[in-house]
Amino acid sequence: MPASTTGAAGAGRPGARASPRVAGQPEGTHEPLAEFAAGRLEAAQVRAMFDRIAGVYDLMNTAMTAGLHHRWRERAADMARVGPGSRVLDVATGTGDLAIELAGRVAPAGEVLACDFSEAMLERARAKQRSPEPVRFEWADALALPYAQDSFDAVTVGFGARNFSDLDVGLAEMVRVTRPGGRVVVLEITTPTRPPLSSFFALWFDRLVPALGRLAGDSQAYAYLPSSVRRFPPPRELAAALAHSGLSEISYRLLAGGIIAIHAGTVAYPPQPVDPQR
């Protein structure tokens, strides 16, 4: 769940230029280290980061979560409340694990679309799927989804919302393309506040995760993870943001002792016009 357990997301088209390399940075890196430490990157920088780590993404996810990230995605799929014949969109899909989980639930006759703005991640996703109902993986900007209003029965994002360059816009887009009565689900890392887990979390994210990133060959990406988690809204604030985006019946579950949060809500039906004759 680093720049790993995280789907790539945000604005920016392929080919956008990243920030120039600063003095003292290793060759092959492009973004100032301070920006990674702050957990705030421009969309083009986030995309370039995910393109770089695509090859180690799944391995790092498994190493950092002891394989539990698969179970967390299953729980997110549960909260999407989809079944055979449903049409689902997975935003910021990364290497596609959540989309593939959803595909098994909507078969037969259902459809899962999965989008990301990192072509390297999409290549990994296309190569790994084994579902009898294939997922359609395609490039898209999470902040300007190329889908019509009310197109899907559910829209999900797994470990990608932290990378939206504008969270409110990203959530609004997810709501826009979900039909009234459909579900929006956000699976994300959150920061526990009570010891001893909060102390362990700080040690793990601030020390061990960056060390794993150095072993994986991209210390910048795995320095970005803890900072991006800290700046992301805590569960209650995220629930409020979801309500502001147009969702109702919002609930969330904390897993892994409070390290993982899954939020879900239902797209509200539009108000019915009042008949003046009644």
Protein backbone atom coordinates (compact mmCIF):
# COMPACT_ATOMS: atom_id res chain seq x y z
CA MET A 1 0.00 0.00 0.00
CA PRO A 2 2.64 2.43 -0.99
CA ALA A 3 2.93 4.18 -4.02
CA SER A 4 2.22 0.46 -4.07
CA THR A 5 -1.04 -0.49 -2.43
CA THR A 6 -2.40 2.42 -4.34
CA GLY A 7 -3.91 2.74 -7.77
CA ALA A 8 -2.55 5.51 -9.93
CA ALA A 9 -4.96 8.39 -10.34
CA GLY A 10 -5.34 12.07 -11.01
CA ALA A 11 -5.24 14.47 -13.88
CA GLY A 12 -2.78 14.70 -16.70
CA ARG A 13 -2.44 13.19 -20.15
CA PRO A 14 0.25 10.74 -21.29
CA GLY A 15 3.39 12.53 -22.35
CA ALA A 16 3.09 15.34 -19.82
CA ARG A 17 6.49 16.51 -18.62
CA ALA A 18 7.60 15.84 -15.06
CA SER A 19 9.57 18.30 -12.97
CA PRO A 20 13.26 18.56 -13.86
CA ARG A 21 15.80 16.56 -11.88
CA VAL A 22 17.37 18.56 -9.06
CA ALA A 23 21.02 18.60 -8.15
CA GLY A 24 22.10 15.66 -6.05
CA GLN A 25 19.27 13.34 -7.12
CA PRO A 26 20.13 9.95 -8.56
CA GLU A 27 20.00 9.63 -12.34
CA GLY A 28 16.62 8.36 -13.47
CA THR A 29 14.62 10.28 -10.86
CA HIS A 30 12.76 13.42 -11.77
CA GLU A 31 10.92 14.93 -8.83
CA PRO A 32 12.37 16.93 -5.92
CA LEU A 33 12.64 14.78 -2.80
CA ALA A 34 10.89 17.44 -0.71
CA GLU A 35 7.74 17.03 -2.78
CA PHE A 36 7.68 13.30 -2.04
CA ALA A 37 8.24 13.93 1.66
CA ALA A 38 5.27 16.31 1.68
CA GLY A 39 3.05 13.71 0.01
CA ARG A 40 1.96 16.24 -2.60
CA LEU A 41 2.82 15.74 -6.24
CA GLU A 42 1.50 17.08 -9.49
CA ALA A 43 -0.52 14.63 -11.57
CA ALA A 44 2.26 14.11 -14.11
CA GLN A 45 4.68 13.31 -11.29
CA VAL A 46 2.30 10.76 -9.76
CA ARG A 47 1.83 9.08 -13.14
CA ALA A 48 5.58 8.93 -13.74
CA MET A 49 6.07 7.42 -10.28
CA PHE A 50 3.55 4.65 -10.93
CA ASP A 51 5.03 3.95 -14.34
CA ARG A 52 8.39 3.44 -12.62
CA ILE A 53 7.18 1.08 -9.88
CA ALA A 54 4.74 -0.99 -11.94
CA GLY A 55 7.14 -3.92 -12.04
CA VAL A 56 7.40 -4.22 -8.24
CA TYR A 57 3.91 -2.98 -7.34
CA ASP A 58 2.26 -6.33 -6.58
CA LEU A 59 5.30 -7.75 -4.81
CA MET A 60 5.57 -4.70 -2.56
CA ASN A 61 1.86 -4.76 -1.77
CA THR A 62 2.11 -8.36 -0.63
CA ALA A 63 5.28 -7.72 1.39
CA MET A 64 3.86 -4.68 3.17
CA THR A 65 0.44 -6.15 3.98
CA ALA A 66 1.34 -9.84 4.45
CA GLY A 67 -1.06 -10.51 1.59
CA LEU A 68 -4.04 -9.00 3.41
CA HIS A 69 -4.67 -6.43 0.67
CA HIS A 70 -6.59 -9.10 -1.27
CA ARG A 71 -8.97 -9.59 1.64
CA TRP A 72 -9.48 -5.84 1.97
CA ARG A 73 -10.44 -5.66 -1.70
CA GLU A 74 -12.93 -8.48 -1.16
CA ARG A 75 -14.55 -6.47 1.62
CA ALA A 76 -14.70 -3.40 -0.64
CA ALA A 77 -16.39 -5.49 -3.33
CA ASP A 78 -18.90 -6.68 -0.72
CA MET A 79 -19.82 -3.06 0.04
CA ALA A 80 -20.37 -2.32 -3.67
CA ARG A 81 -23.42 -4.65 -3.50
CA VAL A 82 -23.15 -5.83 -7.09
CA GLY A 83 -24.21 -9.14 -8.58
CA PRO A 84 -24.72 -10.97 -11.86
CA GLY A 85 -25.46 -8.52 -14.66
CA SER A 86 -24.19 -5.41 -12.86
CA ARG A 87 -22.08 -2.82 -14.65
CA VAL A 88 -19.16 -1.57 -12.55
CA LEU A 89 -16.29 0.91 -12.93
CA ASP A 90 -13.05 0.64 -10.95
CA VAL A 91 -11.20 3.98 -10.94
CA ALA A 92 -7.42 4.22 -10.46
CA THR A 93 -7.31 0.46 -10.85
CA GLY A 94 -3.54 0.03 -10.64
CA THR A 95 -2.75 -3.56 -11.55
CA GLY A 96 -6.43 -4.45 -11.46
CA ASP A 97 -6.92 -6.63 -8.37
CA LEU A 98 -10.16 -4.96 -7.26
CA ALA A 99 -11.53 -4.93 -10.81
CA ILE A 100 -10.80 -8.64 -11.21
CA GLU A 101 -12.50 -9.37 -7.87
CA LEU A 102 -15.57 -7.44 -9.05
CA ALA A 103 -15.61 -9.25 -12.40
CA GLY A 104 -16.22 -12.55 -10.66
CA ARG A 105 -19.24 -11.06 -8.91
CA VAL A 106 -21.01 -9.58 -11.93
CA ALA A 107 -20.65 -12.66 -14.15
CA PRO A 108 -22.42 -13.80 -16.18
CA ALA A 109 -23.59 -10.96 -18.40
CA GLY A 110 -22.16 -8.20 -16.21
CA GLU A 111 -19.39 -5.81 -17.17
CA VAL A 112 -16.41 -4.31 -15.35
CA LEU A 113 -14.49 -1.38 -16.77
CA ALA A 114 -11.26 -0.39 -15.06
CA CYS A 115 -9.32 2.78 -15.74
CA ASP A 116 -5.99 4.26 -14.75
CA PHE A 117 -3.71 6.96 -16.07
CA SER A 118 -0.53 4.86 -15.84
CA GLU A 119 -0.09 2.78 -18.97
CA ALA A 120 2.59 0.67 -17.26
CA MET A 121 0.14 -0.30 -14.53
CA LEU A 122 -2.57 -1.09 -17.08
CA GLU A 123 -0.19 -3.40 -18.93
CA ARG A 124 0.33 -5.38 -15.71
CA ALA A 125 -3.41 -5.50 -15.08
CA ARG A 126 -4.19 -6.83 -18.55
CA ALA A 127 -1.53 -9.52 -18.22
CA LYS A 128 -2.70 -10.87 -14.88
CA GLN A 129 -6.45 -11.26 -15.24
CA ARG A 130 -7.75 -14.81 -15.41
CA SER A 131 -11.45 -14.12 -14.95
CA PRO A 132 -13.80 -15.88 -17.37
CA GLU A 133 -15.50 -12.49 -17.69
CA PRO A 134 -12.62 -10.25 -18.79
CA VAL A 135 -12.25 -6.74 -17.45
CA ARG A 136 -11.90 -3.93 -19.95
CA PHE A 137 -8.82 -1.98 -18.88
CA GLU A 138 -8.43 1.47 -20.41
CA TRP A 139 -6.65 4.77 -19.92
CA ALA A 140 -8.67 7.52 -18.27
CA ASP A 141 -8.20 10.57 -16.09
CA ALA A 142 -9.94 10.10 -12.73
CA LEU A 143 -10.74 13.81 -12.59
CA ALA A 144 -12.46 13.82 -16.01
CA LEU A 145 -13.94 10.36 -16.51
CA PRO A 146 -14.93 9.76 -20.16
CA TYR A 147 -18.22 8.07 -19.24
CA ALA A 148 -21.78 9.29 -19.40
CA GLN A 149 -23.77 10.27 -16.34
CA ASP A 150 -25.56 7.38 -14.58
CA SER A 151 -23.55 4.74 -16.51
CA PHE A 152 -22.72 2.28 -13.71
CA ASP A 153 -24.38 0.37 -10.92
CA ALA A 154 -21.30 0.88 -8.74
CA VAL A 155 -18.01 2.77 -8.92
CA THR A 156 -15.03 1.83 -6.77
CA VAL A 157 -11.55 3.09 -6.03
CA GLY A 158 -9.03 0.97 -4.14
CA PHE A 159 -6.01 2.75 -2.66
CA GLY A 160 -6.15 5.43 -5.34
CA ALA A 161 -8.14 8.29 -3.83
CA ARG A 162 -5.04 9.57 -2.00
CA ASN A 163 -3.49 10.26 -5.37
CA PHE A 164 -6.34 12.37 -6.74
CA SER A 165 -4.84 15.79 -7.29
CA ASP A 166 -8.25 17.18 -6.31
CA LEU A 167 -10.17 14.80 -4.04
CA ASP A 168 -13.49 16.65 -4.29
CA VAL A 169 -13.40 16.60 -8.08
CA GLY A 170 -12.46 12.91 -8.14
CA LEU A 171 -15.32 11.97 -5.81
CA ALA A 172 -17.78 14.11 -7.77
CA GLU A 173 -16.78 12.34 -10.98
CA MET A 174 -17.34 8.93 -9.39
CA VAL A 175 -20.79 10.03 -8.23
CA ARG A 176 -21.65 11.55 -11.61
CA VAL A 177 -21.15 8.30 -13.51
CA THR A 178 -23.04 6.18 -10.95
CA ARG A 179 -26.78 5.73 -11.44
CA PRO A 180 -29.20 6.90 -8.73
CA GLY A 181 -29.40 4.16 -6.14
CA GLY A 182 -25.97 2.85 -7.15
CA ARG A 183 -22.98 2.54 -4.85
CA VAL A 184 -19.67 4.39 -4.56
CA VAL A 185 -16.92 2.65 -2.56
CA VAL A 186 -13.57 4.07 -1.41
CA LEU A 187 -10.94 1.71 0.02
CA GLU A 188 -8.01 3.57 1.52
CA ILE A 189 -5.25 3.55 4.10
CA THR A 190 -5.92 5.68 7.17
CA THR A 191 -3.88 6.72 10.20
CA PRO A 192 -4.70 5.01 13.52
CA THR A 193 -4.78 7.40 16.46
CA ARG A 194 -4.67 5.11 19.48
CA PRO A 195 -1.58 3.40 20.86
CA PRO A 196 -0.06 0.90 20.60
CA LEU A 197 -1.15 0.58 16.97
CA SER A 198 -0.47 4.24 16.26
CA SER A 199 3.14 3.78 17.43
CA PHE A 200 3.60 0.64 15.34
CA PHE A 201 2.03 2.38 12.34
CA ALA A 202 4.45 5.29 12.63
CA LEU A 203 7.44 2.95 12.89
CA TRP A 204 6.26 0.82 9.97
CA PHE A 205 5.40 3.67 7.62
CA ASP A 206 8.12 6.13 8.54
CA ARG A 207 11.03 3.68 8.80
CA LEU A 208 10.34 0.24 7.36
CA VAL A 209 8.31 1.14 4.27
CA PRO A 210 10.93 3.62 2.95
CA ALA A 211 13.59 0.95 3.64
CA LEU A 212 11.63 -1.55 1.56
CA GLY A 213 11.38 1.10 -1.14
CA ARG A 214 15.15 1.45 -1.22
CA LEU A 215 15.46 -2.32 -1.65
CA ALA A 216 12.89 -2.17 -4.45
CA GLY A 217 14.93 0.52 -6.18
CA ASP A 218 12.61 3.53 -5.74
CA SER A 219 13.02 5.22 -2.39
CA GLN A 220 11.09 8.29 -3.56
CA ALA A 221 7.88 6.39 -4.25
CA TYR A 222 7.91 4.69 -0.88
CA ALA A 223 8.76 7.91 0.95
CA TYR A 224 5.66 9.40 -0.67
CA LEU A 225 3.35 6.77 0.85
CA PRO A 226 3.44 7.72 4.57
CA SER A 227 3.21 11.42 3.81
CA SER A 228 0.27 10.99 1.45
CA VAL A 229 -1.54 8.90 4.08
CA ARG A 230 -1.03 11.58 6.74
CA ARG A 231 -2.46 14.34 4.57
CA PHE A 232 -5.49 12.29 3.48
CA PRO A 233 -8.75 13.03 5.36
CA PRO A 234 -9.43 10.77 8.37
CA PRO A 235 -12.54 8.56 8.19
CA ARG A 236 -15.09 11.05 9.53
CA GLU A 237 -13.85 13.83 7.28
CA LEU A 238 -13.86 11.55 4.25
CA ALA A 239 -17.44 10.53 5.08
CA ALA A 240 -18.36 14.22 5.12
CA ALA A 241 -16.66 14.73 1.74
CA LEU A 242 -18.65 11.82 0.32
CA ALA A 243 -21.87 13.36 1.61
CA HIS A 244 -20.93 16.66 0.02
CA SER A 245 -20.37 14.86 -3.30
CA GLY A 246 -23.99 13.71 -3.35
CA LEU A 247 -24.02 10.38 -1.53
CA SER A 248 -26.46 9.24 1.13
CA GLU A 249 -26.56 6.24 3.47
CA ILE A 250 -22.81 6.66 4.04
CA SER A 251 -21.02 4.16 6.25
CA TYR A 252 -17.46 3.07 6.79
CA ARG A 253 -15.63 0.12 8.26
CA LEU A 254 -12.18 0.14 9.84
CA LEU A 255 -10.06 -2.96 9.28
CA ALA A 256 -6.62 -4.13 10.43
CA GLY A 257 -7.01 -2.36 13.75
CA GLY A 258 -7.84 0.96 12.12
CA ILE A 259 -5.19 1.08 9.39
CA ILE A 260 -7.65 0.46 6.56
CA ALA A 261 -10.96 2.26 5.99
CA ILE A 262 -13.66 1.29 3.51
CA HIS A 263 -16.29 3.97 2.89
CA ALA A 264 -19.46 3.40 0.91
CA GLY A 265 -22.52 5.42 0.05
CA THR A 266 -25.53 5.39 -2.21
CA VAL A 267 -26.09 7.93 -4.97
CA ALA A 268 -29.15 9.91 -4.01
CA TYR A 269 -32.15 9.93 -6.30
CA PRO A 270 -32.77 13.36 -7.80
CA PRO A 271 -35.68 15.26 -6.27
CA GLN A 272 -38.96 14.67 -8.05
CA PRO A 273 -40.68 17.74 -9.56
CA VAL A 274 -43.76 18.89 -7.69
CA ASP A 275 -47.03 18.84 -9.66
CA PRO A 276 -48.64 22.26 -9.02
CA GLN A 277 -52.09 20.74 -9.67
CA ARG A 278 -51.79 18.32 -6.75
